């Protein structure tokens, strides 16, 4: 006699996450929320900080709990980037002081952008060329340092005397081109 075995009924498993079981209705909502999250991340990565901020903020209230902490972090990152460009200055000299403070804090790329912005607004700003020369010296870009320092001295010969005593150029002291630029009469 043959024994028939009954097949066990197929049990549909509920998806699980670190936060626990996900019921199917939540799974569809979660999929939609994650798609919005990915879109907001793409906006952030392409530098569209305002749009990314709005997108992250909109999804924060309905986001899955395991994603909410990341969303809050990205909201703050967007705000930092949005507020980064809102600094205003009464004079070019104030802008220069700000650029020097960035340089002294080691924010080299932000300092470079600040110096370049000064030059965009005032092409004859010898002090911005001088600042770019200091930055290039500090970052080991000797050729760029010499180019910017040459331009700063061309626009204002007193920059030559200042550079002689400036300790920020100490890494350039052994470069004969630097010595020749600062002491052309020798």
C-alpha atoms as a PDB file:
ATOM      1  CA  UNK A   1       0.000   0.000   0.000  1.00  0.00           C
ATOM      2  CA  UNK A   2       1.320   3.403  -0.958  1.00  0.00           C
ATOM      3  CA  UNK A   3       1.355   6.123   1.589  1.00  0.00           C
ATOM      4  CA  UNK A   4       0.450   9.544   0.398  1.00  0.00           C
ATOM      5  CA  UNK A   5       1.981  12.501   2.104  1.00  0.00           C
ATOM      6  CA  UNK A   6       0.239  15.765   2.076  1.00  0.00           C
ATOM      7  CA  UNK A   7       2.160  18.821   1.055  1.00  0.00           C
ATOM      8  CA  UNK A   8       2.540  21.359   3.771  1.00  0.00           C
ATOM      9  CA  UNK A   9       0.675  24.524   2.932  1.00  0.00           C
ATOM     10  CA  UNK A  10       2.901  27.348   1.692  1.00  0.00           C
ATOM     11  CA  UNK A  11       3.348  29.940   4.393  1.00  0.00           C
ATOM     12  CA  UNK A  12       3.819  33.482   3.219  1.00  0.00           C
ATOM     13  CA  UNK A  13       6.480  35.061   5.371  1.00  0.00           C
ATOM     14  CA  UNK A  14       6.271  38.593   6.594  1.00  0.00           C
ATOM     15  CA  UNK A  15       9.270  40.747   5.617  1.00  0.00           C
ATOM     16  CA  UNK A  16      11.509  41.593   8.549  1.00  0.00           C
ATOM     17  CA  UNK A  17      13.827  44.477   9.285  1.00  0.00           C
ATOM     18  CA  UNK A  18      16.025  45.366  12.204  1.00  0.00           C
ATOM     19  CA  UNK A  19      13.039  47.241  13.606  1.00  0.00           C
ATOM     20  CA  UNK A  20      10.857  44.084  13.478  1.00  0.00           C
ATOM     21  CA  UNK A  21       8.155  42.642  11.257  1.00  0.00           C
ATOM     22  CA  UNK A  22       6.867  44.752   8.411  1.00  0.00           C
ATOM     23  CA  UNK A  23       3.238  44.253   7.547  1.00  0.00           C
ATOM     24  CA  UNK A  24       2.505  44.345   3.812  1.00  0.00           C
ATOM     25  CA  UNK A  25       0.749  47.737   3.928  1.00  0.00           C
ATOM     26  CA  UNK A  26       3.805  49.199   5.630  1.00  0.00           C
ATOM     27  CA  UNK A  27       6.082  47.502   3.127  1.00  0.00           C
ATOM     28  CA  UNK A  28       4.507  49.468   0.262  1.00  0.00           C
ATOM     29  CA  UNK A  29       4.804  52.694   2.256  1.00  0.00           C
ATOM     30  CA  UNK A  30       8.378  51.827   3.139  1.00  0.00           C
ATOM     31  CA  UNK A  31       9.254  51.231  -0.502  1.00  0.00           C
ATOM     32  CA  UNK A  32       7.795  54.623  -1.418  1.00  0.00           C
ATOM     33  CA  UNK A  33       9.613  56.327   1.495  1.00  0.00           C
ATOM     34  CA  UNK A  34      12.934  54.765   0.472  1.00  0.00           C
ATOM     35  CA  UNK A  35      12.412  55.894  -3.128  1.00  0.00           C
ATOM     36  CA  UNK A  36      11.858  59.463  -1.897  1.00  0.00           C
ATOM     37  CA  UNK A  37      14.933  59.122   0.320  1.00  0.00           C
ATOM     38  CA  UNK A  38      17.052  58.085  -2.668  1.00  0.00           C
ATOM     39  CA  UNK A  39      15.742  61.029  -4.717  1.00  0.00           C
ATOM     40  CA  UNK A  40      16.604  63.439  -1.894  1.00  0.00           C
ATOM     41  CA  UNK A  41      20.098  61.930  -1.619  1.00  0.00           C
ATOM     42  CA  UNK A  42      20.638  62.486  -5.341  1.00  0.00           C
ATOM     43  CA  UNK A  43      19.647  66.131  -4.930  1.00  0.00           C
ATOM     44  CA  UNK A  44      22.128  66.464  -2.068  1.00  0.00           C
ATOM     45  CA  UNK A  45      24.906  64.812  -4.042  1.00  0.00           C
ATOM     46  CA  UNK A  46      24.379  67.143  -7.003  1.00  0.00           C
ATOM     47  CA  UNK A  47      24.625  70.224  -4.792  1.00  0.00           C
ATOM     48  CA  UNK A  48      20.929  71.133  -4.852  1.00  0.00           C
ATOM     49  CA  UNK A  49      20.896  71.704  -1.114  1.00  0.00           C
ATOM     50  CA  UNK A  50      17.673  73.709  -0.847  1.00  0.00           C
ATOM     51  CA  UNK A  51      15.696  71.132  -2.840  1.00  0.00           C
ATOM     52  CA  UNK A  52      17.270  68.272  -0.875  1.00  0.00           C
ATOM     53  CA  UNK A  53      16.465  70.032   2.413  1.00  0.00           C
ATOM     54  CA  UNK A  54      12.826  70.439   1.390  1.00  0.00           C
ATOM     55  CA  UNK A  55      12.605  66.797   0.282  1.00  0.00           C
ATOM     56  CA  UNK A  56      14.162  65.419   3.472  1.00  0.00           C
ATOM     57  CA  UNK A  57      11.998  67.680   5.627  1.00  0.00           C
ATOM     58  CA  UNK A  58       8.824  66.570   3.830  1.00  0.00           C
ATOM     59  CA  UNK A  59       9.508  62.889   4.451  1.00  0.00           C
ATOM     60  CA  UNK A  60      10.661  63.230   8.058  1.00  0.00           C
ATOM     61  CA  UNK A  61       7.197  62.973   9.643  1.00  0.00           C
ATOM     62  CA  UNK A  62       6.185  59.814   7.751  1.00  0.00           C
ATOM     63  CA  UNK A  63       9.582  58.139   7.534  1.00  0.00           C
ATOM     64  CA  UNK A  64      10.263  54.674   8.889  1.00  0.00           C
ATOM     65  CA  UNK A  65      11.851  54.915  12.355  1.00  0.00           C
ATOM     66  CA  UNK A  66      15.081  53.251  11.239  1.00  0.00           C
ATOM     67  CA  UNK A  67      15.586  55.924   8.540  1.00  0.00           C
ATOM     68  CA  UNK A  68      14.506  58.991  10.544  1.00  0.00           C
ATOM     69  CA  UNK A  69      17.917  59.486  12.204  1.00  0.00           C
ATOM     70  CA  UNK A  70      19.650  59.554   8.822  1.00  0.00           C
ATOM     71  CA  UNK A  71      17.073  61.966   7.452  1.00  0.00           C
ATOM     72  CA  UNK A  72      17.643  64.345  10.380  1.00  0.00           C
ATOM     73  CA  UNK A  73      21.401  64.162   9.776  1.00  0.00           C
ATOM     74  CA  UNK A  74      20.925  65.033   6.086  1.00  0.00           C
ATOM     75  CA  UNK A  75      18.539  67.885   6.960  1.00  0.00           C
ATOM     76  CA  UNK A  76      21.324  69.373   9.118  1.00  0.00           C
ATOM     77  CA  UNK A  77      23.940  68.798   6.405  1.00  0.00           C
ATOM     78  CA  UNK A  78      21.721  70.613   3.894  1.00  0.00           C
ATOM     79  CA  UNK A  79      21.248  73.526   6.283  1.00  0.00           C
ATOM     80  CA  UNK A  80      25.005  73.825   6.769  1.00  0.00           C
ATOM     81  CA  UNK A  81      25.552  73.946   3.019  1.00  0.00           C
ATOM     82  CA  UNK A  82      22.700  76.417   2.482  1.00  0.00           C
ATOM     83  CA  UNK A  83      23.973  78.738   5.207  1.00  0.00           C
ATOM     84  CA  UNK A  84      27.582  78.387   4.067  1.00  0.00           C
ATOM     85  CA  UNK A  85      27.118  80.826   1.209  1.00  0.00           C
ATOM     86  CA  UNK A  86      25.120  83.416   3.121  1.00  0.00           C
ATOM     87  CA  UNK A  87      28.039  85.250   4.712  1.00  0.00           C
ATOM     88  CA  UNK A  88      28.104  88.881   3.649  1.00  0.00           C
ATOM     89  CA  UNK A  89      30.839  91.468   4.018  1.00  0.00           C
ATOM     90  CA  UNK A  90      30.772  95.254   4.099  1.00  0.00           C
ATOM     91  CA  UNK A  91      34.206  95.559   2.453  1.00  0.00           C
ATOM     92  CA  UNK A  92      36.667  93.451   0.503  1.00  0.00           C
ATOM     93  CA  UNK A  93      39.023  93.735   3.457  1.00  0.00           C
ATOM     94  CA  UNK A  94      36.449  92.066   5.731  1.00  0.00           C
ATOM     95  CA  UNK A  95      36.098  89.319   3.141  1.00  0.00           C
ATOM     96  CA  UNK A  96      39.886  88.971   3.098  1.00  0.00           C
ATOM     97  CA  UNK A  97      39.988  88.685   6.907  1.00  0.00           C
ATOM     98  CA  UNK A  98      37.369  85.941   6.688  1.00  0.00           C
ATOM     99  CA  UNK A  99      39.414  84.121   4.018  1.00  0.00           C
ATOM    100  CA  UNK A 100      42.527  84.342   6.202  1.00  0.00           C
ATOM    101  CA  UNK A 101      40.598  82.910   9.162  1.00  0.00           C
ATOM    102  CA  UNK A 102      39.513  79.987   6.963  1.00  0.00           C
ATOM    103  CA  UNK A 103      43.125  79.518   5.911  1.00  0.00           C
ATOM    104  CA  UNK A 104      44.338  79.552   9.509  1.00  0.00           C
ATOM    105  CA  UNK A 105      41.704  76.965  10.469  1.00  0.00           C
ATOM    106  CA  UNK A 106      42.892  74.660   7.683  1.00  0.00           C
ATOM    107  CA  UNK A 107      39.800  75.092   5.498  1.00  0.00           C
ATOM    108  CA  UNK A 108      41.933  75.461   2.398  1.00  0.00           C
ATOM    109  CA  UNK A 109      39.298  74.938  -0.281  1.00  0.00           C
ATOM    110  CA  UNK A 110      36.882  77.388   1.360  1.00  0.00           C
ATOM    111  CA  UNK A 111      39.724  79.908   1.715  1.00  0.00           C
ATOM    112  CA  UNK A 112      40.616  79.472  -1.965  1.00  0.00           C
ATOM    113  CA  UNK A 113      37.005  80.126  -2.946  1.00  0.00           C
ATOM    114  CA  UNK A 114      36.890  83.230  -0.742  1.00  0.00           C
ATOM    115  CA  UNK A 115      40.089  84.655  -2.299  1.00  0.00           C
ATOM    116  CA  UNK A 116      38.787  83.925  -5.786  1.00  0.00           C
ATOM    117  CA  UNK A 117      35.484  85.599  -4.941  1.00  0.00           C
ATOM    118  CA  UNK A 118      37.378  88.710  -3.829  1.00  0.00           C
ATOM    119  CA  UNK A 119      39.216  88.746  -7.160  1.00  0.00           C
ATOM    120  CA  UNK A 120      35.965  88.270  -9.043  1.00  0.00           C
ATOM    121  CA  UNK A 121      34.556  91.357  -7.327  1.00  0.00           C
ATOM    122  CA  UNK A 122      37.800  93.392  -7.367  1.00  0.00           C
ATOM    123  CA  UNK A 123      40.350  92.391 -10.006  1.00  0.00           C
ATOM    124  CA  UNK A 124      42.996  94.714  -8.579  1.00  0.00           C
ATOM    125  CA  UNK A 125      42.967  93.178  -5.081  1.00  0.00           C
ATOM    126  CA  UNK A 126      46.673  92.492  -4.645  1.00  0.00           C
ATOM    127  CA  UNK A 127      45.990  91.152  -1.144  1.00  0.00           C
ATOM    128  CA  UNK A 128      43.815  88.362  -2.610  1.00  0.00           C
ATOM    129  CA  UNK A 129      46.715  87.288  -4.833  1.00  0.00           C
ATOM    130  CA  UNK A 130      48.947  87.426  -1.762  1.00  0.00           C
ATOM    131  CA  UNK A 131      46.457  85.255   0.141  1.00  0.00           C
ATOM    132  CA  UNK A 132      46.369  82.743  -2.708  1.00  0.00           C
ATOM    133  CA  UNK A 133      50.186  82.679  -2.651  1.00  0.00           C
ATOM    134  CA  UNK A 134      50.195  81.941   1.093  1.00  0.00           C
ATOM    135  CA  UNK A 135      47.597  79.210   0.560  1.00  0.00           C
ATOM    136  CA  UNK A 136      49.657  77.648  -2.229  1.00  0.00           C
ATOM    137  CA  UNK A 137      52.768  77.759  -0.047  1.00  0.00           C
ATOM    138  CA  UNK A 138      50.949  76.062   2.820  1.00  0.00           C
ATOM    139  CA  UNK A 139      49.593  73.324   0.546  1.00  0.00           C
ATOM    140  CA  UNK A 140      52.925  72.639  -1.146  1.00  0.00           C
ATOM    141  CA  UNK A 141      52.050  74.119  -4.538  1.00  0.00           C
ATOM    142  CA  UNK A 142      55.299  75.992  -5.130  1.00  0.00           C
ATOM    143  CA  UNK A 143      54.698  76.894  -8.777  1.00  0.00           C
ATOM    144  CA  UNK A 144      51.230  78.296  -8.023  1.00  0.00           C
ATOM    145  CA  UNK A 145      52.633  80.137  -5.009  1.00  0.00           C
ATOM    146  CA  UNK A 146      55.222  81.860  -7.173  1.00  0.00           C
ATOM    147  CA  UNK A 147      52.630  82.812  -9.802  1.00  0.00           C
ATOM    148  CA  UNK A 148      50.289  84.400  -7.260  1.00  0.00           C
ATOM    149  CA  UNK A 149      53.083  86.086  -5.310  1.00  0.00           C
ATOM    150  CA  UNK A 150      54.531  87.507  -8.534  1.00  0.00           C
ATOM    151  CA  UNK A 151      51.131  88.984  -9.381  1.00  0.00           C
ATOM    152  CA  UNK A 152      50.682  90.371  -5.843  1.00  0.00           C
ATOM    153  CA  UNK A 153      54.109  92.062  -6.026  1.00  0.00           C
ATOM    154  CA  UNK A 154      53.424  93.371  -9.539  1.00  0.00           C
ATOM    155  CA  UNK A 155      50.214  95.011  -8.304  1.00  0.00           C
ATOM    156  CA  UNK A 156      51.748  96.276  -5.046  1.00  0.00           C
ATOM    157  CA  UNK A 157      55.564  96.218  -4.575  1.00  0.00           C
ATOM    158  CA  UNK A 158      55.154  96.406  -0.772  1.00  0.00           C
ATOM    159  CA  UNK A 159      54.023  92.768  -0.885  1.00  0.00           C
ATOM    160  CA  UNK A 160      57.648  91.847  -1.601  1.00  0.00           C
ATOM    161  CA  UNK A 161      58.761  93.305   1.742  1.00  0.00           C
ATOM    162  CA  UNK A 162      55.851  91.671   3.555  1.00  0.00           C
ATOM    163  CA  UNK A 163      56.638  88.282   2.031  1.00  0.00           C
ATOM    164  CA  UNK A 164      60.254  88.485   3.194  1.00  0.00           C
ATOM    165  CA  UNK A 165      59.101  88.479   6.820  1.00  0.00           C
ATOM    166  CA  UNK A 166      56.055  86.200   6.427  1.00  0.00           C
ATOM    167  CA  UNK A 167      56.584  82.847   8.147  1.00  0.00           C
ATOM    168  CA  UNK A 168      53.812  81.318   6.022  1.00  0.00           C
ATOM    169  CA  UNK A 169      56.351  81.186   3.184  1.00  0.00           C
ATOM    170  CA  UNK A 170      58.896  79.174   5.204  1.00  0.00           C
ATOM    171  CA  UNK A 171      58.402  76.123   2.969  1.00  0.00           C
ATOM    172  CA  UNK A 172      59.423  78.239  -0.015  1.00  0.00           C
ATOM    173  CA  UNK A 173      62.614  79.631   1.559  1.00  0.00           C
ATOM    174  CA  UNK A 174      64.885  77.049  -0.086  1.00  0.00           C
ATOM    175  CA  UNK A 175      63.436  77.565  -3.564  1.00  0.00           C
ATOM    176  CA  UNK A 176      65.850  79.741  -5.604  1.00  0.00           C
ATOM    177  CA  UNK A 177      62.932  81.143  -7.652  1.00  0.00           C
ATOM    178  CA  UNK A 178      61.361  82.405  -4.426  1.00  0.00           C
ATOM    179  CA  UNK A 179      64.597  84.014  -3.274  1.00  0.00           C
ATOM    180  CA  UNK A 180      65.034  85.624  -6.688  1.00  0.00           C
ATOM    181  CA  UNK A 181      61.489  87.003  -6.544  1.00  0.00           C
ATOM    182  CA  UNK A 182      61.920  88.489  -3.079  1.00  0.00           C
ATOM    183  CA  UNK A 183      65.501  89.722  -3.534  1.00  0.00           C
ATOM    184  CA  UNK A 184      65.816  90.718  -7.205  1.00  0.00           C
ATOM    185  CA  UNK A 185      68.584  93.222  -6.450  1.00  0.00           C
ATOM    186  CA  UNK A 186      70.948  90.552  -5.093  1.00  0.00           C
END
